[in-house]
Amino acid sequence: MRRHALWLAVAAALSLPIAACHSDNTTGIPAISAKVEGSNRPLRDDIAFFTYQFDPAGNLAVMNSDGSGRRPLTGGERGFEPSISPDGRRIAFSRVTDLGVSAIYVMNIDGTNATPIVQGLVFNPGPVWSPDGCQIAFRSNHEGLTGPDARISIINADGTGLHQVTPELGPNDFAFDEGPTWSPDGTRLAFTRNAALQVINVDGTGMTALPNEDMAQSASWSPDGQRIAYMSVDPVGEVHVRNADGSNLVRVTTTPEFFDGWPRWSPDGRELVFSRFADGQAQIVTINADGTGAVRLTPQGINDYMPDWSHSHPSARCDADID
């Protein structure tokens, strides 16, 4: 019971209040301006994030991995939960489309061809790219006995081939799946079910629970496939790392005064970037995977959230690309 209560409290605290954002059209998908002036330079070792710096309604932005070069991402107005494609040429993100409703968009990094590929989602979907850039995994709607809950689904980057991956339970059981992350070889997903770490084959078979007494949210698989980073729920708000089989827990952050979460790996797997709530400010921080060398990237007086660190796979471009 304590485990369930802790997880529900943290889930509620971390959910972006999408009802507070405003769409261009409260009856449908927000209009996207036909005029864009963004750069089409592929993102290499850059960090995308959600911020209130450039727009009071919030939007996507990009910065260098040392925190310099902060700039708004054209076409990312009211976008959140950014995920950079493996080749650095596209970005998937969530956007509010109505009161309490969001959609997943894919667009080119210069802001062109912004296309909704999944609509009508009632939870923050957390889209993440497959290593080959062909598919996107996310938290999808699922109608349970007591109302909506969530499962992990996959969709092609062009909006076709939507299918649910995580399995059903018994008719009287509850499961809330979230935070998918791909193994580097693209064959498996790690995610959390009711705050317990799980691994599953992308075809929906072989779901296995990992040792996870600290509970978890926002998992992220390391580039070498050996480790999984996540936010702990007990103790709440720490960045933890385990081996991909669940062994060898490492508490990367341990400061009780801070609330840390949403970890994502650097391209070389030596560092993590994550969200930190400290001193009344939402910050983005990088840290070595062993817990040393924390560096705050967010300037004073600005609130940043939900970072994603681009990796460098220029050949990982799928035929389903939206050009």
C-alpha atoms as a PDB file:
ATOM      1  CA  MET A   1       0.000   0.000   0.000  1.00  0.00           C
ATOM      2  CA  ARG A   2       2.833   2.423   0.901  1.00  0.00           C
ATOM      3  CA  ARG A   3       4.545   1.646  -2.412  1.00  0.00           C
ATOM      4  CA  HIS A   4       1.378   2.372  -4.371  1.00  0.00           C
ATOM      5  CA  ALA A   5       0.699   5.612  -2.482  1.00  0.00           C
ATOM      6  CA  LEU A   6       4.258   6.880  -3.018  1.00  0.00           C
ATOM      7  CA  TRP A   7       4.142   6.166  -6.738  1.00  0.00           C
ATOM      8  CA  LEU A   8       0.765   7.904  -7.196  1.00  0.00           C
ATOM      9  CA  ALA A   9       1.964  10.982  -5.322  1.00  0.00           C
ATOM     10  CA  VAL A  10       5.116  11.308  -7.404  1.00  0.00           C
ATOM     11  CA  ALA A  11       3.272  10.651 -10.660  1.00  0.00           C
ATOM     12  CA  ALA A  12       0.861  13.473  -9.881  1.00  0.00           C
ATOM     13  CA  ALA A  13       3.673  15.847  -8.921  1.00  0.00           C
ATOM     14  CA  LEU A  14       5.711  15.195 -12.062  1.00  0.00           C
ATOM     15  CA  SER A  15       2.938  15.358 -14.633  1.00  0.00           C
ATOM     16  CA  LEU A  16       3.148  18.563 -16.634  1.00  0.00           C
ATOM     17  CA  PRO A  17      -0.132  20.421 -16.038  1.00  0.00           C
ATOM     18  CA  ILE A  18      -1.160  20.272 -19.680  1.00  0.00           C
ATOM     19  CA  ALA A  19      -4.517  21.833 -18.908  1.00  0.00           C
ATOM     20  CA  ALA A  20      -2.682  25.037 -18.023  1.00  0.00           C
ATOM     21  CA  CYS A  21      -1.313  25.401 -21.541  1.00  0.00           C
ATOM     22  CA  HIS A  22      -3.375  26.892 -24.328  1.00  0.00           C
ATOM     23  CA  SER A  23      -3.864  25.644 -27.862  1.00  0.00           C
ATOM     24  CA  ASP A  24      -4.557  27.751 -30.921  1.00  0.00           C
ATOM     25  CA  ASN A  25      -7.836  25.956 -31.451  1.00  0.00           C
ATOM     26  CA  THR A  26      -9.609  24.437 -28.483  1.00  0.00           C
ATOM     27  CA  THR A  27     -11.490  22.038 -30.729  1.00  0.00           C
ATOM     28  CA  GLY A  28      -8.552  20.449 -32.505  1.00  0.00           C
ATOM     29  CA  ILE A  29      -4.858  20.305 -33.349  1.00  0.00           C
ATOM     30  CA  PRO A  30      -3.075  23.658 -32.949  1.00  0.00           C
ATOM     31  CA  ALA A  31      -2.331  25.425 -36.197  1.00  0.00           C
ATOM     32  CA  ILE A  32       1.328  25.448 -37.259  1.00  0.00           C
ATOM     33  CA  SER A  33       2.666  28.500 -39.006  1.00  0.00           C
ATOM     34  CA  ALA A  34       3.721  27.886 -42.576  1.00  0.00           C
ATOM     35  CA  LYS A  35       6.600  30.322 -42.169  1.00  0.00           C
ATOM     36  CA  VAL A  36       9.563  28.861 -40.303  1.00  0.00           C
ATOM     37  CA  GLU A  37      13.105  30.135 -40.034  1.00  0.00           C
ATOM     38  CA  GLY A  38      14.842  27.474 -37.979  1.00  0.00           C
ATOM     39  CA  SER A  39      18.218  25.931 -38.636  1.00  0.00           C
ATOM     40  CA  ASN A  40      18.359  22.567 -40.362  1.00  0.00           C
ATOM     41  CA  ARG A  41      21.744  21.721 -38.818  1.00  0.00           C
ATOM     42  CA  PRO A  42      21.492  18.223 -37.304  1.00  0.00           C
ATOM     43  CA  LEU A  43      21.718  18.179 -33.534  1.00  0.00           C
ATOM     44  CA  ARG A  44      25.009  16.631 -32.407  1.00  0.00           C
ATOM     45  CA  ASP A  45      25.774  16.537 -28.680  1.00  0.00           C
ATOM     46  CA  ASP A  46      23.026  19.111 -28.066  1.00  0.00           C
ATOM     47  CA  ILE A  47      20.340  19.158 -25.390  1.00  0.00           C
ATOM     48  CA  ALA A  48      16.682  19.813 -26.196  1.00  0.00           C
ATOM     49  CA  PHE A  49      14.366  20.835 -23.370  1.00  0.00           C
ATOM     50  CA  PHE A  50      11.103  22.517 -22.355  1.00  0.00           C
ATOM     51  CA  THR A  51      11.409  26.055 -21.011  1.00  0.00           C
ATOM     52  CA  TYR A  52       9.462  29.194 -20.164  1.00  0.00           C
ATOM     53  CA  GLN A  53      12.377  31.448 -21.138  1.00  0.00           C
ATOM     54  CA  PHE A  54      11.189  32.423 -24.618  1.00  0.00           C
ATOM     55  CA  ASP A  55       7.404  32.124 -24.309  1.00  0.00           C
ATOM     56  CA  PRO A  56       5.171  32.496 -21.223  1.00  0.00           C
ATOM     57  CA  ALA A  57       3.153  29.514 -22.494  1.00  0.00           C
ATOM     58  CA  GLY A  58       6.311  27.393 -22.702  1.00  0.00           C
ATOM     59  CA  ASN A  59       8.104  25.981 -25.729  1.00  0.00           C
ATOM     60  CA  LEU A  60      10.940  23.740 -26.841  1.00  0.00           C
ATOM     61  CA  ALA A  61      14.510  25.001 -26.934  1.00  0.00           C
ATOM     62  CA  VAL A  62      18.003  23.705 -27.627  1.00  0.00           C
ATOM     63  CA  MET A  63      21.368  24.417 -26.033  1.00  0.00           C
ATOM     64  CA  ASN A  64      24.899  23.138 -26.305  1.00  0.00           C
ATOM     65  CA  SER A  65      25.846  20.429 -23.832  1.00  0.00           C
ATOM     66  CA  ASP A  66      27.755  22.982 -21.734  1.00  0.00           C
ATOM     67  CA  GLY A  67      24.662  25.192 -21.422  1.00  0.00           C
ATOM     68  CA  SER A  68      25.753  27.814 -23.961  1.00  0.00           C
ATOM     69  CA  GLY A  69      23.914  28.745 -27.144  1.00  0.00           C
ATOM     70  CA  ARG A  70      20.374  28.629 -25.754  1.00  0.00           C
ATOM     71  CA  ARG A  71      17.819  29.212 -28.516  1.00  0.00           C
ATOM     72  CA  PRO A  72      14.117  28.485 -29.055  1.00  0.00           C
ATOM     73  CA  LEU A  73      13.246  25.628 -31.374  1.00  0.00           C
ATOM     74  CA  THR A  74      11.174  26.918 -34.279  1.00  0.00           C
ATOM     75  CA  GLY A  75       7.887  25.028 -34.484  1.00  0.00           C
ATOM     76  CA  GLY A  76       8.145  23.883 -30.856  1.00  0.00           C
ATOM     77  CA  GLU A  77       5.665  26.354 -29.396  1.00  0.00           C
ATOM     78  CA  ARG A  78       3.798  24.747 -26.462  1.00  0.00           C
ATOM     79  CA  GLY A  79       5.752  21.567 -27.083  1.00  0.00           C
ATOM     80  CA  PHE A  80       7.122  19.504 -24.212  1.00  0.00           C
ATOM     81  CA  GLU A  81       8.780  16.101 -23.656  1.00  0.00           C
ATOM     82  CA  PRO A  82      11.239  16.469 -26.573  1.00  0.00           C
ATOM     83  CA  SER A  83      12.973  13.408 -28.040  1.00  0.00           C
ATOM     84  CA  ILE A  84      15.703  13.920 -30.643  1.00  0.00           C
ATOM     85  CA  SER A  85      15.896  11.394 -33.479  1.00  0.00           C
ATOM     86  CA  PRO A  86      19.071   9.275 -33.675  1.00  0.00           C
ATOM     87  CA  ASP A  87      20.315  11.165 -36.737  1.00  0.00           C
ATOM     88  CA  GLY A  88      19.636  14.542 -35.114  1.00  0.00           C
ATOM     89  CA  ARG A  89      17.434  15.726 -37.985  1.00  0.00           C
ATOM     90  CA  ARG A  90      13.989  15.382 -36.413  1.00  0.00           C
ATOM     91  CA  ILE A  91      12.350  15.788 -33.064  1.00  0.00           C
ATOM     92  CA  ALA A  92       9.310  14.094 -31.550  1.00  0.00           C
ATOM     93  CA  PHE A  93       7.446  15.922 -28.815  1.00  0.00           C
ATOM     94  CA  SER A  94       4.144  16.262 -27.016  1.00  0.00           C
ATOM     95  CA  ARG A  95       1.820  19.213 -27.457  1.00  0.00           C
ATOM     96  CA  VAL A  96      -1.420  20.229 -25.772  1.00  0.00           C
ATOM     97  CA  THR A  97      -4.303  20.200 -28.248  1.00  0.00           C
ATOM     98  CA  ASP A  98      -7.284  20.727 -25.954  1.00  0.00           C
ATOM     99  CA  LEU A  99      -8.082  21.020 -22.278  1.00  0.00           C
ATOM    100  CA  GLY A 100      -6.296  18.068 -20.678  1.00  0.00           C
ATOM    101  CA  VAL A 101      -5.563  16.436 -24.051  1.00  0.00           C
ATOM    102  CA  SER A 102      -2.254  16.119 -25.878  1.00  0.00           C
ATOM    103  CA  ALA A 103      -0.829  14.765 -29.126  1.00  0.00           C
ATOM    104  CA  ILE A 104       2.560  13.532 -30.313  1.00  0.00           C
ATOM    105  CA  TYR A 105       4.166  15.509 -33.117  1.00  0.00           C
ATOM    106  CA  VAL A 106       7.157  14.785 -35.324  1.00  0.00           C
ATOM    107  CA  MET A 107       8.901  17.608 -37.167  1.00  0.00           C
ATOM    108  CA  ASN A 108      12.170  18.381 -38.881  1.00  0.00           C
ATOM    109  CA  ILE A 109      14.682  20.118 -36.668  1.00  0.00           C
ATOM    110  CA  ASP A 110      14.245  23.385 -38.621  1.00  0.00           C
ATOM    111  CA  GLY A 111      10.541  23.445 -37.679  1.00  0.00           C
ATOM    112  CA  THR A 112       9.160  22.276 -41.021  1.00  0.00           C
ATOM    113  CA  ASN A 113       6.655  19.483 -41.556  1.00  0.00           C
ATOM    114  CA  ALA A 114       5.302  19.392 -38.016  1.00  0.00           C
ATOM    115  CA  THR A 115       2.884  16.458 -38.152  1.00  0.00           C
ATOM    116  CA  PRO A 116       0.687  14.971 -35.405  1.00  0.00           C
ATOM    117  CA  ILE A 117       1.116  11.184 -35.461  1.00  0.00           C
ATOM    118  CA  VAL A 118      -0.972  10.303 -32.367  1.00  0.00           C
ATOM    119  CA  GLN A 119      -3.846  12.388 -31.031  1.00  0.00           C
ATOM    120  CA  GLY A 120      -6.342  12.371 -28.171  1.00  0.00           C
ATOM    121  CA  LEU A 121      -3.932  11.356 -25.393  1.00  0.00           C
ATOM    122  CA  VAL A 122      -4.984  12.101 -21.816  1.00  0.00           C
ATOM    123  CA  PHE A 123      -1.604  11.519 -20.178  1.00  0.00           C
ATOM    124  CA  ASN A 124       1.823  12.970 -20.871  1.00  0.00           C
ATOM    125  CA  PRO A 125       2.898  10.414 -23.500  1.00  0.00           C
ATOM    126  CA  GLY A 126       6.699  10.696 -23.240  1.00  0.00           C
ATOM    127  CA  PRO A 127       7.631   9.805 -26.849  1.00  0.00           C
ATOM    128  CA  VAL A 128      11.044   8.209 -27.501  1.00  0.00           C
ATOM    129  CA  TRP A 129      12.701   7.257 -30.800  1.00  0.00           C
ATOM    130  CA  SER A 130      13.828   3.766 -31.718  1.00  0.00           C
ATOM    131  CA  PRO A 131      17.582   3.495 -32.384  1.00  0.00           C
ATOM    132  CA  ASP A 132      17.014   3.223 -36.159  1.00  0.00           C
ATOM    133  CA  GLY A 133      14.731   6.273 -36.255  1.00  0.00           C
ATOM    134  CA  CYS A 134      11.833   4.271 -37.669  1.00  0.00           C
ATOM    135  CA  GLN A 135       9.468   4.088 -34.694  1.00  0.00           C
ATOM    136  CA  ILE A 136       8.394   5.923 -31.565  1.00  0.00           C
ATOM    137  CA  ALA A 137       7.393   4.314 -28.283  1.00  0.00           C
ATOM    138  CA  PHE A 138       5.108   6.196 -25.892  1.00  0.00           C
ATOM    139  CA  ARG A 139       2.602   5.945 -23.062  1.00  0.00           C
ATOM    140  CA  SER A 140      -0.817   5.421 -24.639  1.00  0.00           C
ATOM    141  CA  ASN A 141      -4.369   5.663 -23.352  1.00  0.00           C
ATOM    142  CA  HIS A 142      -6.041   2.540 -22.038  1.00  0.00           C
ATOM    143  CA  GLU A 143      -9.541   2.312 -20.611  1.00  0.00           C
ATOM    144  CA  GLY A 144      -9.498   0.467 -17.287  1.00  0.00           C
ATOM    145  CA  LEU A 145     -12.270  -0.593 -14.955  1.00  0.00           C
ATOM    146  CA  THR A 146     -12.025   2.600 -12.904  1.00  0.00           C
ATOM    147  CA  GLY A 147     -11.202   5.003 -15.749  1.00  0.00           C
ATOM    148  CA  PRO A 148      -8.239   5.655 -18.003  1.00  0.00           C
ATOM    149  CA  ASP A 149      -4.897   4.082 -17.246  1.00  0.00           C
ATOM    150  CA  ALA A 150      -1.905   3.582 -19.540  1.00  0.00           C
ATOM    151  CA  ARG A 151       0.006   1.057 -21.635  1.00  0.00           C
ATOM    152  CA  ILE A 152       3.173   1.270 -23.739  1.00  0.00           C
ATOM    153  CA  SER A 153       2.563   1.447 -27.488  1.00  0.00           C
ATOM    154  CA  ILE A 154       4.709   1.834 -30.603  1.00  0.00           C
ATOM    155  CA  ILE A 155       3.944   3.745 -33.793  1.00  0.00           C
ATOM    156  CA  ASN A 156       5.913   4.288 -36.988  1.00  0.00           C
ATOM    157  CA  ALA A 157       7.384   7.771 -37.319  1.00  0.00           C
ATOM    158  CA  ASP A 158       5.041   8.469 -40.252  1.00  0.00           C
ATOM    159  CA  GLY A 159       1.969   7.767 -38.079  1.00  0.00           C
ATOM    160  CA  THR A 160       1.208   4.255 -39.351  1.00  0.00           C
ATOM    161  CA  GLY A 161       1.387   0.911 -37.595  1.00  0.00           C
ATOM    162  CA  LEU A 162       0.112   1.882 -34.152  1.00  0.00           C
ATOM    163  CA  HIS A 163       0.045  -1.102 -31.789  1.00  0.00           C
ATOM    164  CA  GLN A 164       0.099  -1.795 -28.068  1.00  0.00           C
ATOM    165  CA  VAL A 165       3.156  -3.572 -26.663  1.00  0.00           C
ATOM    166  CA  THR A 166       2.604  -4.116 -22.938  1.00  0.00           C
ATOM    167  CA  PRO A 167       0.153  -6.869 -22.005  1.00  0.00           C
ATOM    168  CA  GLU A 168      -3.108  -6.829 -20.118  1.00  0.00           C
ATOM    169  CA  LEU A 169      -3.632  -8.133 -16.599  1.00  0.00           C
ATOM    170  CA  GLY A 170      -6.603  -9.829 -15.028  1.00  0.00           C
ATOM    171  CA  PRO A 171      -9.985  -8.075 -15.103  1.00  0.00           C
ATOM    172  CA  ASN A 172      -9.638  -6.855 -11.492  1.00  0.00           C
ATOM    173  CA  ASP A 173      -5.984  -5.832 -11.644  1.00  0.00           C
ATOM    174  CA  PHE A 174      -4.577  -2.342 -12.232  1.00  0.00           C
ATOM    175  CA  ALA A 175      -1.509  -1.479 -14.289  1.00  0.00           C
ATOM    176  CA  PHE A 176      -0.157   1.941 -15.226  1.00  0.00           C
ATOM    177  CA  ASP A 177       2.729   1.731 -17.696  1.00  0.00           C
ATOM    178  CA  GLU A 178       4.949   4.706 -18.483  1.00  0.00           C
ATOM    179  CA  GLY A 179       8.429   5.969 -19.326  1.00  0.00           C
ATOM    180  CA  PRO A 180       9.509   3.672 -22.188  1.00  0.00           C
ATOM    181  CA  THR A 181      13.141   3.606 -23.295  1.00  0.00           C
ATOM    182  CA  TRP A 182      14.690   1.511 -26.079  1.00  0.00           C
ATOM    183  CA  SER A 183      17.616  -0.861 -25.758  1.00  0.00           C
ATOM    184  CA  PRO A 184      20.426   0.291 -28.097  1.00  0.00           C
ATOM    185  CA  ASP A 185      19.861  -2.695 -30.407  1.00  0.00           C
ATOM    186  CA  GLY A 186      16.166  -1.848 -30.719  1.00  0.00           C
ATOM    187  CA  THR A 187      14.922  -5.274 -29.619  1.00  0.00           C
ATOM    188  CA  ARG A 188      13.613  -4.411 -26.146  1.00  0.00           C
ATOM    189  CA  LEU A 189      11.963  -1.672 -24.130  1.00  0.00           C
ATOM    190  CA  ALA A 190      12.437  -0.838 -20.481  1.00  0.00           C
ATOM    191  CA  PHE A 191       9.570   0.957 -18.735  1.00  0.00           C
ATOM    192  CA  THR A 192       7.789   1.103 -15.396  1.00  0.00           C
ATOM    193  CA  ARG A 193       4.547  -0.633 -14.439  1.00  0.00           C
ATOM    194  CA  ASN A 194       3.126   0.798 -11.227  1.00  0.00           C
ATOM    195  CA  ALA A 195       6.613   2.223 -10.536  1.00  0.00           C
ATOM    196  CA  ALA A 196       8.390  -1.141 -10.921  1.00  0.00           C
ATOM    197  CA  LEU A 197      11.066  -1.437 -13.609  1.00  0.00           C
ATOM    198  CA  GLN A 198      10.202  -3.877 -16.405  1.00  0.00           C
ATOM    199  CA  VAL A 199      11.875  -5.059 -19.606  1.00  0.00           C
ATOM    200  CA  ILE A 200       9.910  -6.404 -22.566  1.00  0.00           C
ATOM    201  CA  ASN A 201      10.640  -7.466 -26.132  1.00  0.00           C
ATOM    202  CA  VAL A 202       9.278  -5.015 -28.685  1.00  0.00           C
ATOM    203  CA  ASP A 203       6.898  -7.721 -29.949  1.00  0.00           C
ATOM    204  CA  GLY A 204       5.246  -7.799 -26.507  1.00  0.00           C
ATOM    205  CA  THR A 205       6.763 -11.062 -25.311  1.00  0.00           C
ATOM    206  CA  GLY A 206       9.078 -11.840 -22.427  1.00  0.00           C
ATOM    207  CA  MET A 207       8.071  -9.113 -19.974  1.00  0.00           C
ATOM    208  CA  THR A 208      10.376  -9.364 -16.952  1.00  0.00           C
ATOM    209  CA  ALA A 209      10.366  -7.368 -13.712  1.00  0.00           C
ATOM    210  CA  LEU A 210      13.748  -6.068 -12.536  1.00  0.00           C
ATOM    211  CA  PRO A 211      14.817  -5.788  -8.884  1.00  0.00           C
ATOM    212  CA  ASN A 212      13.603  -2.331  -7.944  1.00  0.00           C
ATOM    213  CA  GLU A 213      12.938  -1.839  -4.235  1.00  0.00           C
ATOM    214  CA  ASP A 214      13.481   1.904  -4.705  1.00  0.00           C
ATOM    215  CA  MET A 215      10.726   2.089  -7.354  1.00  0.00           C
ATOM    216  CA  ALA A 216      11.213   4.101 -10.539  1.00  0.00           C
ATOM    217  CA  GLN A 217       9.991   6.580 -13.117  1.00  0.00           C
ATOM    218  CA  SER A 218      11.453   8.022 -16.340  1.00  0.00           C
ATOM    219  CA  ALA A 219      13.824   5.217 -17.269  1.00  0.00           C
ATOM    220  CA  SER A 220      16.676   5.734 -19.755  1.00  0.00           C
ATOM    221  CA  TRP A 221      18.797   2.939 -21.273  1.00  0.00           C
ATOM    222  CA  SER A 222      22.526   3.680 -21.605  1.00  0.00           C
ATOM    223  CA  PRO A 223      24.110   3.852 -25.093  1.00  0.00           C
ATOM    224  CA  ASP A 224      26.183   0.715 -24.440  1.00  0.00           C
ATOM    225  CA  GLY A 225      23.120  -1.231 -23.266  1.00  0.00           C
ATOM    226  CA  GLN A 226      24.675  -2.078 -19.908  1.00  0.00           C
ATOM    227  CA  ARG A 227      22.787   0.261 -17.537  1.00  0.00           C
ATOM    228  CA  ILE A 228      19.401   1.868 -16.950  1.00  0.00           C
ATOM    229  CA  ALA A 229      19.041   5.257 -15.269  1.00  0.00           C
ATOM    230  CA  TYR A 230      15.806   6.406 -13.650  1.00  0.00           C
ATOM    231  CA  MET A 231      14.246   8.602 -10.998  1.00  0.00           C
ATOM    232  CA  SER A 232      13.724   6.823  -7.700  1.00  0.00           C
ATOM    233  CA  VAL A 233      10.421   7.015  -5.845  1.00  0.00           C
ATOM    234  CA  ASP A 234      11.666   5.680  -2.479  1.00  0.00           C
ATOM    235  CA  PRO A 235      13.637   7.738  -1.565  1.00  0.00           C
ATOM    236  CA  VAL A 236      11.794  10.176  -3.735  1.00  0.00           C
ATOM    237  CA  GLY A 237      13.564  12.398  -6.262  1.00  0.00           C
ATOM    238  CA  GLU A 238      17.000  10.844  -6.720  1.00  0.00           C
ATOM    239  CA  VAL A 239      18.711   9.747  -9.926  1.00  0.00           C
ATOM    240  CA  HIS A 240      19.629   6.063  -9.688  1.00  0.00           C
ATOM    241  CA  VAL A 241      21.409   3.713 -12.082  1.00  0.00           C
ATOM    242  CA  ARG A 242      21.286  -0.088 -12.259  1.00  0.00           C
ATOM    243  CA  ASN A 243      22.746  -2.676 -14.544  1.00  0.00           C
ATOM    244  CA  ALA A 244      20.283  -3.694 -17.258  1.00  0.00           C
ATOM    245  CA  ASP A 245      19.541  -6.910 -15.309  1.00  0.00           C
ATOM    246  CA  GLY A 246      18.586  -4.874 -12.221  1.00  0.00           C
ATOM    247  CA  SER A 247      21.771  -5.493 -10.260  1.00  0.00           C
ATOM    248  CA  ASN A 248      24.334  -3.062  -8.821  1.00  0.00           C
ATOM    249  CA  LEU A 249      22.285  -0.069  -7.682  1.00  0.00           C
ATOM    250  CA  VAL A 250      24.156   3.262  -7.807  1.00  0.00           C
ATOM    251  CA  ARG A 251      22.628   6.375  -6.221  1.00  0.00           C
ATOM    252  CA  VAL A 252      23.916   9.087  -8.537  1.00  0.00           C
ATOM    253  CA  THR A 253      22.259  11.980  -6.665  1.00  0.00           C
ATOM    254  CA  THR A 254      21.500  11.918  -2.947  1.00  0.00           C
ATOM    255  CA  THR A 255      20.824  15.493  -1.783  1.00  0.00           C
ATOM    256  CA  PRO A 256      17.555  15.560   0.238  1.00  0.00           C
ATOM    257  CA  GLU A 257      16.998  19.261  -0.479  1.00  0.00           C
ATOM    258  CA  PHE A 258      16.808  18.601  -4.233  1.00  0.00           C
ATOM    259  CA  PHE A 259      14.206  16.776  -6.301  1.00  0.00           C
ATOM    260  CA  ASP A 260      15.903  15.109  -9.280  1.00  0.00           C
ATOM    261  CA  GLY A 261      14.337  13.209 -12.165  1.00  0.00           C
ATOM    262  CA  TRP A 262      14.005  12.693 -15.926  1.00  0.00           C
ATOM    263  CA  PRO A 263      17.590  11.425 -16.461  1.00  0.00           C
ATOM    264  CA  ARG A 264      18.941  10.991 -19.998  1.00  0.00           C
ATOM    265  CA  TRP A 265      22.366   9.664 -21.031  1.00  0.00           C
ATOM    266  CA  SER A 266      25.105  11.551 -22.838  1.00  0.00           C
ATOM    267  CA  PRO A 267      26.177  10.107 -26.216  1.00  0.00           C
ATOM    268  CA  ASP A 268      29.270   8.470 -24.700  1.00  0.00           C
ATOM    269  CA  GLY A 269      27.447   7.128 -21.631  1.00  0.00           C
ATOM    270  CA  ARG A 270      29.771   8.907 -19.212  1.00  0.00           C
ATOM    271  CA  GLU A 271      27.295  11.581 -18.083  1.00  0.00           C
ATOM    272  CA  LEU A 272      23.617  12.117 -17.410  1.00  0.00           C
ATOM    273  CA  VAL A 273      21.445  15.179 -17.907  1.00  0.00           C
ATOM    274  CA  PHE A 274      18.389  15.520 -15.688  1.00  0.00           C
ATOM    275  CA  SER A 275      15.778  17.862 -14.235  1.00  0.00           C
ATOM    276  CA  ARG A 276      16.372  19.266 -10.762  1.00  0.00           C
ATOM    277  CA  PHE A 277      13.990  21.237  -8.561  1.00  0.00           C
ATOM    278  CA  ALA A 278      16.036  23.294  -6.109  1.00  0.00           C
ATOM    279  CA  ASP A 279      15.596  26.636  -4.356  1.00  0.00           C
ATOM    280  CA  GLY A 280      12.276  27.279  -6.071  1.00  0.00           C
ATOM    281  CA  GLN A 281      13.713  26.809  -9.564  1.00  0.00           C
ATOM    282  CA  ALA A 282      13.393  24.064 -12.177  1.00  0.00           C
ATOM    283  CA  GLN A 283      16.915  23.444 -13.495  1.00  0.00           C
ATOM    284  CA  ILE A 284      18.707  21.236 -15.976  1.00  0.00           C
ATOM    285  CA  VAL A 285      21.871  19.659 -14.617  1.00  0.00           C
ATOM    286  CA  THR A 286      24.592  17.400 -16.014  1.00  0.00           C
ATOM    287  CA  ILE A 287      26.524  14.973 -13.836  1.00  0.00           C
ATOM    288  CA  ASN A 288      29.059  12.204 -14.255  1.00  0.00           C
ATOM    289  CA  ALA A 289      27.501   8.740 -14.060  1.00  0.00           C
ATOM    290  CA  ASP A 290      29.391   8.100 -10.826  1.00  0.00           C
ATOM    291  CA  GLY A 291      27.722  11.081  -9.144  1.00  0.00           C
ATOM    292  CA  THR A 292      30.609  13.551  -9.374  1.00  0.00           C
ATOM    293  CA  GLY A 293      30.917  16.814 -11.264  1.00  0.00           C
ATOM    294  CA  ALA A 294      27.342  18.164 -11.210  1.00  0.00           C
ATOM    295  CA  VAL A 295      26.954  21.286 -13.393  1.00  0.00           C
ATOM    296  CA  ARG A 296      23.826  23.439 -13.524  1.00  0.00           C
ATOM    297  CA  LEU A 297      23.064  24.514 -17.098  1.00  0.00           C
ATOM    298  CA  THR A 298      19.994  26.669 -16.386  1.00  0.00           C
ATOM    299  CA  PRO A 299      20.630  30.377 -15.707  1.00  0.00           C
ATOM    300  CA  GLN A 300      19.228  31.931 -12.547  1.00  0.00           C
ATOM    301  CA  GLY A 301      15.595  33.023 -12.814  1.00  0.00           C
ATOM    302  CA  ILE A 302      14.645  30.612 -15.644  1.00  0.00           C
ATOM    303  CA  ASN A 303      12.697  27.366 -15.371  1.00  0.00           C
ATOM    304  CA  ASP A 304      13.755  24.450 -17.607  1.00  0.00           C
ATOM    305  CA  TYR A 305      12.410  20.892 -17.715  1.00  0.00           C
ATOM    306  CA  MET A 306      12.539  17.522 -19.506  1.00  0.00           C
ATOM    307  CA  PRO A 307      15.955  17.448 -21.203  1.00  0.00           C
ATOM    308  CA  ASP A 308      17.014  15.077 -23.979  1.00  0.00           C
ATOM    309  CA  TRP A 309      20.654  14.697 -25.051  1.00  0.00           C
ATOM    310  CA  SER A 310      21.165  14.123 -28.777  1.00  0.00           C
ATOM    311  CA  HIS A 311      23.302  11.201 -29.877  1.00  0.00           C
ATOM    312  CA  SER A 312      25.355  11.085 -33.053  1.00  0.00           C
ATOM    313  CA  HIS A 313      24.093   8.430 -35.452  1.00  0.00           C
ATOM    314  CA  PRO A 314      24.024  10.197 -38.838  1.00  0.00           C
ATOM    315  CA  SER A 315      23.257   6.962 -40.712  1.00  0.00           C
ATOM    316  CA  ALA A 316      20.248   6.050 -38.551  1.00  0.00           C
ATOM    317  CA  ARG A 317      17.672   7.456 -40.915  1.00  0.00           C
ATOM    318  CA  CYS A 318      14.589   5.395 -41.636  1.00  0.00           C
ATOM    319  CA  ASP A 319      12.685   5.163 -44.906  1.00  0.00           C
ATOM    320  CA  ALA A 320       9.660   6.466 -42.979  1.00  0.00           C
ATOM    321  CA  ASP A 321      11.365   9.861 -42.648  1.00  0.00           C
ATOM    322  CA  ILE A 322       9.086  12.883 -42.983  1.00  0.00           C
ATOM    323  CA  ASP A 323      10.958  15.183 -45.360  1.00  0.00           C
END
